[in-house]
Every structure is written in C-alpha cells, then in structure tokens.
Amino acid sequence: MTDGVFLPTLCGTGSDVLIGVVDFIHQAVVKSVWTPERIRRVYARRTVRQILADGDTLAFGPCPDRTLVACAILHRHGIRPVVVYHERRVPGFGPSTAHLALEVEVGGADYTVDFGSHETRLVPGGYTYDPAIEETILLKRLEIPVGADALTTITPGEVMAAVATERIQVDRKFEYYEKQAERYRGRVPEERLALDVKHSIHREL
C-alpha cells in the first residue's frame, strides 16, 4: 500500500514482470470516452493516486496516465525505467502532440512499453518510430530520480511540462480529443497487446 493506493506486487522475472504491469494497467486504468469538460479539467493533471482511484484514462490519449502508473509500479519493484518523451506531429492525426513511453531493462534485456490508443506495445529493444510518416519535434529520455512513493504524487503534465516546446498547443489538442469523443460516442478501442513490432497494427506508430 502506497499512500492509500495499491501498487501491485508482481511475480516472475524478465518480460513476465512487464506483462504483469501491462495486465494490471489494462484492468485498473481502463480506456474511456470523456466529456469535453472532463478532458479540459483532468487530462494529464491527475496523480497516480487519482488515476487509480478514478480507474480510467482518456481512450484517445492514454499514454501519459498509463505510463506514469507503470513507472510507479516498476519503481516499487526496484526497476527504474527511462521515460521517453517524444514530441511529434503525424500528418492527418491532428496537431503536434507529446507522447510518453518507457524503456526498461529487466533480466538483462531491454524492452519498450508503449501505451497507445489502439494497442499497447511491449517489444524488445529501445523506443523506435518511423521518421518517414511523422515529424519529430523533440525526442528526449528522462530519468525519474524519485522513488515509488514520490511518483504517486506527481502528474504526467508536470513531467511533460519540464521538456515541452512551444509547438505544443494544448487547446488545439483538446479540440482534437473532443472531436474524437463525438466521433466515437462511447465506443472505445479494444485493448490489444503487441509483443513484436512486426505484429503491431500501426507498425511504428
């Protein structure tokens, strides 16, 4: 128990630990469609405690919440992942956006844990992307020097704000999410786990 929030105790070694993290987050931080008011009030502004208490995340932008929760769980188990901050723009997919992922070493092997809207990727190796289909504005790797307890008291927005460029236009991103919410009208993309990038539905997206 961490300050009123249960961070699970995971069993196994190597990638089994990471699969346990992903399974927990898929069940404890469920993707849902938010109202415009909630998007503007809550998105990237909740602590790990609040995210787990609410039990959900925005279906169209789950990476900040889910990445921070995963980071806290891994820290609790003595594993210190690197947070990858990728500020990018994909033509046809709205304005510039900030994406978070994790690079993790477990059992002597490197993995990337990447929570996307339509799929979670838990794949061997470091974080990759396809420069042919997206413009990278900033790619930065962040070491989070605090422990699991402290991680439950910060927000994804605070992590991203420390490195974000002026290209990030929050209001435009909120407008994009609001349009997505109207389009889906309560339908949520199903959970999918890709263990090999070759089987990713979005390849490097």
N, C-alpha and C. Protein backbone atom coordinates (compact mmCIF):
# COMPACT_ATOMS: atom_id res chain seq x y z
N MET A 1 0.86 -1.20 0.00
CA MET A 1 0.00 0.00 0.00
C MET A 1 0.90 1.24 0.00
N THR A 2 0.66 2.15 -0.92
CA THR A 2 1.46 3.35 -1.02
C THR A 2 0.56 4.57 -0.89
N ASP A 3 0.55 5.19 0.29
CA ASP A 3 -0.21 6.41 0.50
C ASP A 3 -1.66 6.26 0.04
N GLY A 4 -2.27 5.13 0.43
CA GLY A 4 -3.67 4.93 0.10
C GLY A 4 -3.91 4.33 -1.27
N VAL A 5 -2.85 4.06 -2.04
CA VAL A 5 -3.01 3.49 -3.37
C VAL A 5 -2.30 2.15 -3.43
N PHE A 6 -2.98 1.14 -3.91
CA PHE A 6 -2.37 -0.17 -4.01
C PHE A 6 -1.59 -0.28 -5.31
N LEU A 7 -0.29 -0.45 -5.19
CA LEU A 7 0.54 -0.77 -6.34
C LEU A 7 0.84 -2.26 -6.25
N PRO A 8 0.49 -3.02 -7.25
CA PRO A 8 0.53 -4.48 -7.14
C PRO A 8 1.93 -5.04 -6.95
N THR A 9 2.01 -6.17 -6.28
CA THR A 9 3.25 -6.92 -6.16
C THR A 9 3.29 -7.91 -7.31
N LEU A 10 4.32 -7.85 -8.12
CA LEU A 10 4.40 -8.66 -9.33
C LEU A 10 5.31 -9.86 -9.12
N CYS A 11 4.98 -10.95 -9.78
CA CYS A 11 5.78 -12.16 -9.71
C CYS A 11 6.47 -12.39 -11.05
N GLY A 12 7.42 -13.32 -11.04
CA GLY A 12 8.09 -13.67 -12.28
C GLY A 12 9.37 -12.89 -12.48
N THR A 13 10.01 -13.14 -13.61
CA THR A 13 11.26 -12.48 -13.96
C THR A 13 11.19 -12.02 -15.40
N GLY A 14 12.15 -11.16 -15.75
CA GLY A 14 12.25 -10.71 -17.13
C GLY A 14 10.97 -10.08 -17.65
N SER A 15 10.62 -10.44 -18.88
CA SER A 15 9.46 -9.82 -19.51
C SER A 15 8.15 -10.19 -18.81
N ASP A 16 8.13 -11.28 -18.02
CA ASP A 16 6.91 -11.63 -17.28
C ASP A 16 6.50 -10.51 -16.34
N VAL A 17 7.47 -9.83 -15.75
CA VAL A 17 7.17 -8.70 -14.86
C VAL A 17 6.46 -7.60 -15.65
N LEU A 18 6.96 -7.33 -16.84
CA LEU A 18 6.36 -6.27 -17.66
C LEU A 18 4.97 -6.66 -18.14
N ILE A 19 4.76 -7.92 -18.47
CA ILE A 19 3.43 -8.37 -18.86
C ILE A 19 2.47 -8.20 -17.68
N GLY A 20 2.96 -8.48 -16.46
CA GLY A 20 2.14 -8.26 -15.27
C GLY A 20 1.75 -6.80 -15.10
N VAL A 21 2.68 -5.89 -15.38
CA VAL A 21 2.38 -4.46 -15.30
C VAL A 21 1.30 -4.08 -16.32
N VAL A 22 1.48 -4.53 -17.55
CA VAL A 22 0.53 -4.21 -18.60
C VAL A 22 -0.85 -4.78 -18.28
N ASP A 23 -0.90 -6.03 -17.83
CA ASP A 23 -2.19 -6.64 -17.47
C ASP A 23 -2.90 -5.84 -16.38
N PHE A 24 -2.14 -5.45 -15.37
CA PHE A 24 -2.73 -4.66 -14.28
C PHE A 24 -3.29 -3.35 -14.80
N ILE A 25 -2.51 -2.65 -15.62
CA ILE A 25 -2.94 -1.34 -16.09
C ILE A 25 -4.14 -1.45 -17.03
N HIS A 26 -4.18 -2.47 -17.88
CA HIS A 26 -5.34 -2.66 -18.74
C HIS A 26 -6.62 -2.86 -17.94
N GLN A 27 -6.50 -3.43 -16.75
CA GLN A 27 -7.68 -3.67 -15.92
C GLN A 27 -7.96 -2.52 -14.94
N ALA A 28 -6.91 -1.85 -14.47
CA ALA A 28 -7.07 -0.83 -13.42
C ALA A 28 -7.16 0.59 -13.97
N VAL A 29 -6.69 0.81 -15.19
CA VAL A 29 -6.74 2.14 -15.82
C VAL A 29 -7.38 1.95 -17.19
N VAL A 30 -8.69 1.79 -17.19
CA VAL A 30 -9.45 1.42 -18.38
C VAL A 30 -9.63 2.63 -19.30
N LYS A 31 -9.53 2.40 -20.59
CA LYS A 31 -9.78 3.47 -21.56
C LYS A 31 -11.27 3.81 -21.60
N SER A 32 -11.59 5.09 -21.57
CA SER A 32 -12.99 5.51 -21.65
C SER A 32 -13.09 6.82 -22.43
N VAL A 33 -14.29 7.12 -22.89
CA VAL A 33 -14.55 8.36 -23.63
C VAL A 33 -15.02 9.41 -22.64
N TRP A 34 -14.33 10.54 -22.61
CA TRP A 34 -14.63 11.60 -21.64
C TRP A 34 -15.46 12.70 -22.28
N THR A 35 -16.14 13.45 -21.43
CA THR A 35 -16.84 14.65 -21.89
C THR A 35 -15.81 15.75 -22.16
N PRO A 36 -16.16 16.74 -22.99
CA PRO A 36 -15.24 17.85 -23.23
C PRO A 36 -14.81 18.53 -21.93
N GLU A 37 -15.74 18.69 -21.00
CA GLU A 37 -15.40 19.35 -19.73
C GLU A 37 -14.36 18.57 -18.97
N ARG A 38 -14.51 17.24 -18.94
CA ARG A 38 -13.55 16.42 -18.19
C ARG A 38 -12.19 16.40 -18.88
N ILE A 39 -12.19 16.38 -20.21
CA ILE A 39 -10.91 16.42 -20.92
C ILE A 39 -10.10 17.64 -20.51
N ARG A 40 -10.74 18.80 -20.51
CA ARG A 40 -10.03 20.05 -20.20
C ARG A 40 -9.66 20.17 -18.73
N ARG A 41 -10.45 19.54 -17.87
CA ARG A 41 -10.21 19.67 -16.43
C ARG A 41 -9.20 18.65 -15.91
N VAL A 42 -9.17 17.46 -16.52
CA VAL A 42 -8.47 16.33 -15.91
C VAL A 42 -7.25 15.85 -16.70
N TYR A 43 -7.28 15.97 -18.03
CA TYR A 43 -6.26 15.30 -18.83
C TYR A 43 -4.83 15.68 -18.43
N ALA A 44 -4.04 14.67 -18.08
CA ALA A 44 -2.63 14.79 -17.69
C ALA A 44 -2.43 15.58 -16.40
N ARG A 45 -3.52 15.79 -15.63
CA ARG A 45 -3.43 16.60 -14.42
C ARG A 45 -3.69 15.80 -13.14
N ARG A 46 -3.80 14.47 -13.26
CA ARG A 46 -4.03 13.64 -12.09
C ARG A 46 -2.75 12.94 -11.67
N THR A 47 -2.61 12.73 -10.37
CA THR A 47 -1.51 11.95 -9.85
C THR A 47 -1.81 10.47 -10.04
N VAL A 48 -0.81 9.62 -9.79
CA VAL A 48 -1.03 8.17 -9.86
C VAL A 48 -2.14 7.77 -8.90
N ARG A 49 -2.16 8.36 -7.71
CA ARG A 49 -3.22 8.07 -6.75
C ARG A 49 -4.59 8.35 -7.36
N GLN A 50 -4.72 9.51 -8.00
CA GLN A 50 -6.01 9.90 -8.56
C GLN A 50 -6.39 9.06 -9.77
N ILE A 51 -5.41 8.74 -10.60
CA ILE A 51 -5.67 7.90 -11.77
C ILE A 51 -6.21 6.55 -11.34
N LEU A 52 -5.56 5.93 -10.36
CA LEU A 52 -6.00 4.61 -9.90
C LEU A 52 -7.33 4.69 -9.17
N ALA A 53 -7.56 5.78 -8.45
CA ALA A 53 -8.84 5.94 -7.76
C ALA A 53 -9.98 6.09 -8.77
N ASP A 54 -9.76 6.84 -9.85
CA ASP A 54 -10.77 7.00 -10.89
C ASP A 54 -10.92 5.73 -11.72
N GLY A 55 -9.80 5.04 -11.94
CA GLY A 55 -9.84 3.77 -12.66
C GLY A 55 -9.97 3.87 -14.16
N ASP A 56 -9.68 5.06 -14.73
CA ASP A 56 -9.79 5.16 -16.17
C ASP A 56 -8.81 6.18 -16.73
N THR A 57 -8.75 6.22 -18.06
CA THR A 57 -7.92 7.17 -18.77
C THR A 57 -8.61 7.52 -20.09
N LEU A 58 -8.22 8.63 -20.69
CA LEU A 58 -8.82 9.05 -21.95
C LEU A 58 -8.45 8.07 -23.05
N ALA A 59 -9.46 7.54 -23.73
CA ALA A 59 -9.23 6.49 -24.72
C ALA A 59 -8.31 6.93 -25.85
N PHE A 60 -8.34 8.22 -26.21
CA PHE A 60 -7.60 8.69 -27.38
C PHE A 60 -6.22 9.23 -27.04
N GLY A 61 -5.88 9.25 -25.76
CA GLY A 61 -4.57 9.71 -25.34
C GLY A 61 -4.18 9.08 -24.02
N PRO A 62 -4.09 7.74 -23.96
CA PRO A 62 -3.86 7.06 -22.67
C PRO A 62 -2.41 7.06 -22.20
N CYS A 63 -1.48 7.45 -23.06
CA CYS A 63 -0.07 7.23 -22.72
C CYS A 63 0.40 8.00 -21.48
N PRO A 64 -0.01 9.25 -21.24
CA PRO A 64 0.53 9.93 -20.04
C PRO A 64 0.13 9.24 -18.75
N ASP A 65 -1.15 8.92 -18.59
CA ASP A 65 -1.63 8.29 -17.36
C ASP A 65 -1.03 6.90 -17.18
N ARG A 66 -1.16 6.09 -18.20
CA ARG A 66 -0.72 4.71 -18.09
C ARG A 66 0.79 4.60 -17.92
N THR A 67 1.54 5.47 -18.59
CA THR A 67 3.00 5.43 -18.47
C THR A 67 3.43 5.78 -17.05
N LEU A 68 2.80 6.80 -16.45
CA LEU A 68 3.19 7.20 -15.09
C LEU A 68 2.85 6.11 -14.08
N VAL A 69 1.69 5.47 -14.23
CA VAL A 69 1.32 4.38 -13.33
C VAL A 69 2.31 3.23 -13.48
N ALA A 70 2.64 2.86 -14.70
CA ALA A 70 3.61 1.79 -14.93
C ALA A 70 4.96 2.13 -14.33
N CYS A 71 5.36 3.37 -14.47
CA CYS A 71 6.64 3.82 -13.92
C CYS A 71 6.66 3.65 -12.40
N ALA A 72 5.56 4.03 -11.75
CA ALA A 72 5.48 3.90 -10.29
C ALA A 72 5.53 2.44 -9.85
N ILE A 73 4.83 1.56 -10.57
CA ILE A 73 4.84 0.14 -10.23
C ILE A 73 6.25 -0.44 -10.37
N LEU A 74 6.91 -0.10 -11.46
CA LEU A 74 8.27 -0.62 -11.68
C LEU A 74 9.24 -0.10 -10.63
N HIS A 75 9.12 1.17 -10.27
CA HIS A 75 9.96 1.72 -9.21
C HIS A 75 9.74 0.97 -7.90
N ARG A 76 8.51 0.60 -7.64
CA ARG A 76 8.19 -0.14 -6.41
C ARG A 76 8.93 -1.47 -6.37
N HIS A 77 9.23 -2.02 -7.55
CA HIS A 77 9.92 -3.30 -7.64
C HIS A 77 11.42 -3.14 -7.89
N GLY A 78 11.91 -1.92 -7.66
CA GLY A 78 13.34 -1.69 -7.82
C GLY A 78 13.81 -1.57 -9.24
N ILE A 79 12.89 -1.42 -10.18
CA ILE A 79 13.23 -1.28 -11.60
C ILE A 79 13.03 0.18 -11.98
N ARG A 80 14.06 0.80 -12.52
CA ARG A 80 13.99 2.23 -12.83
C ARG A 80 14.00 2.42 -14.35
N PRO A 81 12.82 2.51 -14.93
CA PRO A 81 12.75 2.70 -16.39
C PRO A 81 13.14 4.12 -16.79
N VAL A 82 13.45 4.29 -18.05
CA VAL A 82 13.68 5.60 -18.63
C VAL A 82 12.38 6.03 -19.30
N VAL A 83 11.94 7.25 -19.01
CA VAL A 83 10.75 7.79 -19.66
C VAL A 83 11.17 8.45 -20.96
N VAL A 84 10.57 8.02 -22.06
CA VAL A 84 10.85 8.62 -23.36
C VAL A 84 9.78 9.67 -23.65
N TYR A 85 10.22 10.89 -23.87
CA TYR A 85 9.31 11.98 -24.25
C TYR A 85 9.50 12.22 -25.75
N HIS A 86 8.45 12.00 -26.51
CA HIS A 86 8.51 12.15 -27.97
C HIS A 86 7.47 13.17 -28.40
N GLU A 87 7.94 14.34 -28.73
CA GLU A 87 7.05 15.39 -29.23
C GLU A 87 7.04 15.29 -30.74
N ARG A 88 5.83 15.10 -31.31
CA ARG A 88 5.78 14.76 -32.72
C ARG A 88 4.49 15.25 -33.35
N ARG A 89 4.48 15.22 -34.66
CA ARG A 89 3.26 15.54 -35.41
C ARG A 89 3.13 14.53 -36.54
N VAL A 90 1.98 13.86 -36.57
CA VAL A 90 1.69 12.90 -37.62
C VAL A 90 0.66 13.53 -38.55
N PRO A 91 0.99 13.80 -39.80
CA PRO A 91 0.04 14.43 -40.72
C PRO A 91 -1.27 13.65 -40.77
N GLY A 92 -2.38 14.37 -40.65
CA GLY A 92 -3.68 13.74 -40.68
C GLY A 92 -4.19 13.28 -39.33
N PHE A 93 -3.35 13.41 -38.29
CA PHE A 93 -3.74 12.96 -36.95
C PHE A 93 -3.75 14.11 -35.95
N GLY A 94 -4.11 15.30 -36.43
CA GLY A 94 -4.25 16.41 -35.51
C GLY A 94 -2.98 17.19 -35.29
N PRO A 95 -2.98 18.07 -34.29
CA PRO A 95 -1.84 18.96 -34.02
C PRO A 95 -0.67 18.22 -33.38
N SER A 96 0.43 18.94 -33.20
CA SER A 96 1.59 18.37 -32.51
C SER A 96 1.17 17.84 -31.15
N THR A 97 1.78 16.74 -30.77
CA THR A 97 1.39 16.12 -29.50
C THR A 97 2.62 15.57 -28.79
N ALA A 98 2.48 15.39 -27.48
CA ALA A 98 3.57 14.83 -26.68
C ALA A 98 3.21 13.39 -26.33
N HIS A 99 4.09 12.48 -26.65
CA HIS A 99 3.88 11.06 -26.39
C HIS A 99 4.89 10.59 -25.36
N LEU A 100 4.44 9.72 -24.45
CA LEU A 100 5.32 9.14 -23.45
C LEU A 100 5.38 7.63 -23.62
N ALA A 101 6.56 7.07 -23.41
CA ALA A 101 6.75 5.62 -23.42
C ALA A 101 7.84 5.31 -22.39
N LEU A 102 8.07 4.02 -22.17
CA LEU A 102 9.10 3.60 -21.21
C LEU A 102 10.11 2.68 -21.89
N GLU A 103 11.38 2.89 -21.58
CA GLU A 103 12.43 1.94 -21.91
C GLU A 103 12.86 1.28 -20.61
N VAL A 104 12.84 -0.06 -20.59
CA VAL A 104 13.04 -0.80 -19.35
C VAL A 104 14.06 -1.91 -19.57
N GLU A 105 14.96 -2.07 -18.61
CA GLU A 105 15.86 -3.22 -18.63
C GLU A 105 15.45 -4.18 -17.52
N VAL A 106 15.09 -5.39 -17.90
CA VAL A 106 14.77 -6.44 -16.92
C VAL A 106 15.40 -7.75 -17.39
N GLY A 107 15.94 -8.49 -16.44
CA GLY A 107 16.54 -9.78 -16.77
C GLY A 107 17.66 -9.68 -17.77
N GLY A 108 18.37 -8.54 -17.78
CA GLY A 108 19.48 -8.36 -18.70
C GLY A 108 19.08 -8.03 -20.13
N ALA A 109 17.79 -7.78 -20.39
CA ALA A 109 17.32 -7.45 -21.73
C ALA A 109 16.57 -6.13 -21.71
N ASP A 110 16.59 -5.44 -22.84
CA ASP A 110 15.92 -4.14 -22.97
C ASP A 110 14.56 -4.31 -23.64
N TYR A 111 13.58 -3.53 -23.15
CA TYR A 111 12.22 -3.55 -23.70
C TYR A 111 11.68 -2.14 -23.77
N THR A 112 10.71 -1.96 -24.64
CA THR A 112 9.92 -0.73 -24.69
C THR A 112 8.48 -1.06 -24.32
N VAL A 113 7.91 -0.25 -23.42
CA VAL A 113 6.50 -0.35 -23.08
C VAL A 113 5.84 0.93 -23.57
N ASP A 114 4.88 0.79 -24.48
CA ASP A 114 4.32 1.95 -25.17
C ASP A 114 2.80 1.81 -25.21
N PHE A 115 2.11 2.65 -24.42
CA PHE A 115 0.65 2.58 -24.32
C PHE A 115 0.01 3.50 -25.35
N GLY A 116 -0.56 2.92 -26.40
CA GLY A 116 -1.20 3.71 -27.43
C GLY A 116 -2.71 3.63 -27.34
N SER A 117 -3.38 4.39 -28.20
CA SER A 117 -4.84 4.41 -28.20
C SER A 117 -5.44 3.07 -28.61
N HIS A 118 -4.84 2.44 -29.61
CA HIS A 118 -5.40 1.21 -30.15
C HIS A 118 -4.62 -0.03 -29.75
N GLU A 119 -3.45 0.14 -29.18
CA GLU A 119 -2.67 -1.02 -28.80
C GLU A 119 -1.56 -0.62 -27.83
N THR A 120 -1.20 -1.57 -27.00
CA THR A 120 -0.02 -1.44 -26.15
C THR A 120 1.08 -2.29 -26.76
N ARG A 121 2.25 -1.70 -26.89
CA ARG A 121 3.39 -2.46 -27.41
C ARG A 121 4.36 -2.76 -26.27
N LEU A 122 4.68 -4.03 -26.10
CA LEU A 122 5.73 -4.45 -25.17
C LEU A 122 6.70 -5.24 -26.03
N VAL A 123 7.71 -4.53 -26.53
CA VAL A 123 8.56 -5.11 -27.56
C VAL A 123 10.03 -5.04 -27.15
N PRO A 124 10.84 -6.00 -27.61
CA PRO A 124 12.27 -5.97 -27.30
C PRO A 124 12.94 -4.73 -27.89
N GLY A 125 13.97 -4.25 -27.19
CA GLY A 125 14.77 -3.15 -27.70
C GLY A 125 14.28 -1.80 -27.23
N GLY A 126 14.95 -0.76 -27.71
CA GLY A 126 14.61 0.61 -27.33
C GLY A 126 13.46 1.17 -28.15
N TYR A 127 13.03 2.34 -27.74
CA TYR A 127 11.91 3.03 -28.40
C TYR A 127 12.28 3.37 -29.84
N THR A 128 11.37 3.05 -30.76
CA THR A 128 11.60 3.35 -32.17
C THR A 128 10.37 4.04 -32.75
N TYR A 129 10.55 4.68 -33.88
CA TYR A 129 9.46 5.33 -34.60
C TYR A 129 9.86 5.41 -36.06
N ASP A 130 8.92 5.80 -36.90
CA ASP A 130 9.19 5.87 -38.33
C ASP A 130 9.25 7.33 -38.78
N PRO A 131 10.43 7.86 -39.01
CA PRO A 131 10.55 9.27 -39.41
C PRO A 131 9.92 9.57 -40.76
N ALA A 132 9.61 8.53 -41.53
CA ALA A 132 9.01 8.76 -42.84
C ALA A 132 7.56 9.18 -42.74
N ILE A 133 6.91 8.88 -41.61
CA ILE A 133 5.48 9.18 -41.51
C ILE A 133 5.15 10.13 -40.37
N GLU A 134 6.15 10.59 -39.65
CA GLU A 134 5.87 11.55 -38.60
C GLU A 134 7.05 12.50 -38.42
N GLU A 135 6.73 13.72 -38.12
CA GLU A 135 7.74 14.75 -37.86
C GLU A 135 8.08 14.74 -36.37
N THR A 136 9.35 14.55 -36.07
CA THR A 136 9.79 14.59 -34.68
C THR A 136 10.25 16.00 -34.34
N ILE A 137 9.64 16.57 -33.33
CA ILE A 137 10.00 17.91 -32.87
C ILE A 137 11.05 17.81 -31.77
N LEU A 138 10.86 16.85 -30.86
CA LEU A 138 11.81 16.64 -29.78
C LEU A 138 11.71 15.19 -29.32
N LEU A 139 12.86 14.56 -29.12
CA LEU A 139 12.92 13.22 -28.56
C LEU A 139 13.92 13.25 -27.41
N LYS A 140 13.43 13.02 -26.21
CA LYS A 140 14.28 13.17 -25.03
C LYS A 140 14.01 12.02 -24.06
N ARG A 141 15.06 11.50 -23.46
CA ARG A 141 14.95 10.44 -22.47
C ARG A 141 15.17 11.02 -21.09
N LEU A 142 14.24 10.69 -20.18
CA LEU A 142 14.24 11.28 -18.84
C LEU A 142 14.40 10.20 -17.78
N GLU A 143 15.35 10.39 -16.90
CA GLU A 143 15.47 9.51 -15.74
C GLU A 143 14.66 10.15 -14.62
N ILE A 144 13.77 9.38 -14.01
CA ILE A 144 12.97 9.88 -12.90
C ILE A 144 13.68 9.49 -11.61
N PRO A 145 14.28 10.45 -10.90
CA PRO A 145 15.17 10.11 -9.78
C PRO A 145 14.46 9.83 -8.47
N VAL A 146 13.12 9.90 -8.44
CA VAL A 146 12.40 9.72 -7.18
C VAL A 146 11.92 8.29 -7.05
N GLY A 147 11.51 7.91 -5.85
CA GLY A 147 11.01 6.58 -5.59
C GLY A 147 9.53 6.44 -5.88
N ALA A 148 9.00 5.24 -5.62
CA ALA A 148 7.60 4.94 -5.93
C ALA A 148 6.64 5.84 -5.16
N ASP A 149 6.93 6.11 -3.89
CA ASP A 149 6.04 6.96 -3.10
C ASP A 149 5.93 8.35 -3.72
N ALA A 150 7.07 8.95 -4.05
CA ALA A 150 7.05 10.29 -4.64
C ALA A 150 6.38 10.28 -6.02
N LEU A 151 6.54 9.18 -6.76
CA LEU A 151 5.94 9.11 -8.09
C LEU A 151 4.42 9.14 -8.04
N THR A 152 3.84 8.73 -6.92
CA THR A 152 2.38 8.74 -6.83
C THR A 152 1.84 10.13 -6.57
N THR A 153 2.69 11.12 -6.39
CA THR A 153 2.22 12.47 -6.05
C THR A 153 2.43 13.48 -7.17
N ILE A 154 3.02 13.06 -8.31
CA ILE A 154 3.22 13.98 -9.42
C ILE A 154 2.25 13.63 -10.55
N THR A 155 2.11 14.52 -11.51
CA THR A 155 1.20 14.30 -12.63
C THR A 155 1.98 14.13 -13.93
N PRO A 156 1.38 13.48 -14.92
CA PRO A 156 2.06 13.39 -16.22
C PRO A 156 2.33 14.77 -16.81
N GLY A 157 1.42 15.70 -16.58
CA GLY A 157 1.61 17.05 -17.11
C GLY A 157 2.85 17.71 -16.57
N GLU A 158 3.16 17.45 -15.29
CA GLU A 158 4.36 18.02 -14.70
C GLU A 158 5.62 17.44 -15.33
N VAL A 159 5.58 16.15 -15.65
CA VAL A 159 6.72 15.52 -16.32
C VAL A 159 6.91 16.12 -17.70
N MET A 160 5.81 16.24 -18.45
CA MET A 160 5.92 16.73 -19.83
C MET A 160 6.26 18.21 -19.89
N ALA A 161 5.73 18.99 -18.94
CA ALA A 161 5.97 20.44 -18.96
C ALA A 161 7.44 20.78 -18.79
N ALA A 162 8.19 19.89 -18.16
CA ALA A 162 9.62 20.15 -17.92
C ALA A 162 10.43 20.16 -19.21
N VAL A 163 9.89 19.55 -20.27
CA VAL A 163 10.67 19.45 -21.51
C VAL A 163 9.90 19.91 -22.75
N ALA A 164 8.61 20.18 -22.64
CA ALA A 164 7.79 20.51 -23.81
C ALA A 164 8.27 21.78 -24.51
N THR A 165 8.13 21.82 -25.83
CA THR A 165 8.49 23.00 -26.60
C THR A 165 7.25 23.87 -26.82
N GLU A 166 7.47 25.01 -27.44
CA GLU A 166 6.36 25.93 -27.70
C GLU A 166 5.44 25.40 -28.81
N ARG A 167 5.82 24.31 -29.46
CA ARG A 167 4.98 23.75 -30.52
C ARG A 167 3.72 23.07 -29.95
N ILE A 168 3.75 22.72 -28.68
CA ILE A 168 2.59 22.08 -28.08
C ILE A 168 1.52 23.14 -27.83
N GLN A 169 0.35 22.95 -28.46
CA GLN A 169 -0.78 23.85 -28.28
C GLN A 169 -1.91 23.06 -27.63
N VAL A 170 -2.03 23.21 -26.32
CA VAL A 170 -2.94 22.38 -25.54
C VAL A 170 -4.39 22.54 -25.99
N ASP A 171 -4.82 23.77 -26.25
CA ASP A 171 -6.20 23.99 -26.65
C ASP A 171 -6.54 23.26 -27.95
N ARG A 172 -5.61 23.30 -28.91
CA ARG A 172 -5.84 22.60 -30.17
C ARG A 172 -5.92 21.10 -29.96
N LYS A 173 -5.10 20.57 -29.05
CA LYS A 173 -5.14 19.14 -28.78
C LYS A 173 -6.44 18.76 -28.10
N PHE A 174 -6.90 19.59 -27.17
CA PHE A 174 -8.18 19.32 -26.52
C PHE A 174 -9.32 19.31 -27.55
N GLU A 175 -9.28 20.26 -28.48
CA GLU A 175 -10.31 20.31 -29.53
C GLU A 175 -10.29 19.02 -30.35
N TYR A 176 -9.10 18.52 -30.63
CA TYR A 176 -8.98 17.27 -31.39
C TYR A 176 -9.58 16.11 -30.59
N TYR A 177 -9.27 16.03 -29.29
CA TYR A 177 -9.82 14.96 -28.46
C TYR A 177 -11.35 15.06 -28.37
N GLU A 178 -11.86 16.29 -28.29
CA GLU A 178 -13.31 16.48 -28.22
C GLU A 178 -13.99 15.97 -29.49
N LYS A 179 -13.38 16.20 -30.63
CA LYS A 179 -13.93 15.69 -31.89
C LYS A 179 -13.88 14.17 -31.92
N GLN A 180 -12.81 13.60 -31.38
CA GLN A 180 -12.72 12.14 -31.31
C GLN A 180 -13.81 11.58 -30.42
N ALA A 181 -14.07 12.24 -29.30
CA ALA A 181 -15.11 11.78 -28.37
C ALA A 181 -16.48 11.81 -29.04
N GLU A 182 -16.73 12.85 -29.82
CA GLU A 182 -18.00 12.95 -30.53
C GLU A 182 -18.11 11.85 -31.60
N ARG A 183 -17.00 11.58 -32.23
CA ARG A 183 -16.98 10.56 -33.29
C ARG A 183 -17.24 9.16 -32.73
N TYR A 184 -16.65 8.85 -31.60
CA TYR A 184 -16.78 7.50 -31.05
C TYR A 184 -18.09 7.31 -30.29
N ARG A 185 -18.62 8.38 -29.68
CA ARG A 185 -19.90 8.32 -28.97
C ARG A 185 -19.99 7.11 -28.03
N GLY A 186 -18.98 6.95 -27.20
CA GLY A 186 -19.00 5.89 -26.20
C GLY A 186 -18.32 4.61 -26.61
N ARG A 187 -18.00 4.43 -27.90
CA ARG A 187 -17.28 3.24 -28.34
C ARG A 187 -15.80 3.42 -28.03
N VAL A 188 -15.19 2.44 -27.43
CA VAL A 188 -13.80 2.54 -27.01
C VAL A 188 -12.96 1.51 -27.78
N PRO A 189 -11.80 1.93 -28.31
CA PRO A 189 -10.93 0.96 -28.97
C PRO A 189 -10.57 -0.19 -28.02
N GLU A 190 -10.64 -1.42 -28.53
CA GLU A 190 -10.35 -2.58 -27.71
C GLU A 190 -8.88 -2.60 -27.31
N GLU A 191 -8.61 -3.28 -26.20
CA GLU A 191 -7.22 -3.46 -25.78
C GLU A 191 -6.54 -4.48 -26.70
N ARG A 192 -5.31 -4.20 -27.03
CA ARG A 192 -4.52 -5.13 -27.82
C ARG A 192 -3.09 -5.03 -27.36
N LEU A 193 -2.41 -6.16 -27.24
CA LEU A 193 -1.02 -6.19 -26.81
C LEU A 193 -0.17 -6.76 -27.93
N ALA A 194 0.81 -5.98 -28.38
CA ALA A 194 1.76 -6.44 -29.39
C ALA A 194 3.09 -6.75 -28.72
N LEU A 195 3.57 -7.97 -28.86
CA LEU A 195 4.84 -8.38 -28.26
C LEU A 195 5.98 -8.35 -29.27
N ASP A 196 5.66 -8.03 -30.51
CA ASP A 196 6.66 -7.94 -31.58
C ASP A 196 6.21 -6.81 -32.50
N VAL A 197 7.10 -5.89 -32.79
CA VAL A 197 6.71 -4.73 -33.59
C VAL A 197 6.22 -5.14 -34.97
N LYS A 198 6.64 -6.31 -35.47
CA LYS A 198 6.18 -6.78 -36.76
C LYS A 198 4.68 -7.08 -36.76
N HIS A 199 4.13 -7.31 -35.57
CA HIS A 199 2.71 -7.62 -35.45
C HIS A 199 1.90 -6.44 -34.92
N SER A 200 2.51 -5.29 -34.88
CA SER A 200 1.80 -4.09 -34.44
C SER A 200 0.83 -3.63 -35.51
N ILE A 201 -0.39 -3.26 -35.12
CA ILE A 201 -1.37 -2.81 -36.11
C ILE A 201 -0.98 -1.47 -36.71
N HIS A 202 -0.12 -0.74 -36.02
CA HIS A 202 0.32 0.55 -36.53
C HIS A 202 1.81 0.55 -36.88
N ARG A 203 2.40 -0.65 -36.90
CA ARG A 203 3.84 -0.73 -37.12
C ARG A 203 4.56 0.18 -36.12
N GLU A 204 5.24 1.22 -36.60
CA GLU A 204 5.99 2.07 -35.68
C GLU A 204 5.18 3.22 -35.13
N LEU A 205 3.87 3.29 -35.42
CA LEU A 205 3.03 4.33 -34.82
C LEU A 205 2.52 3.86 -33.49
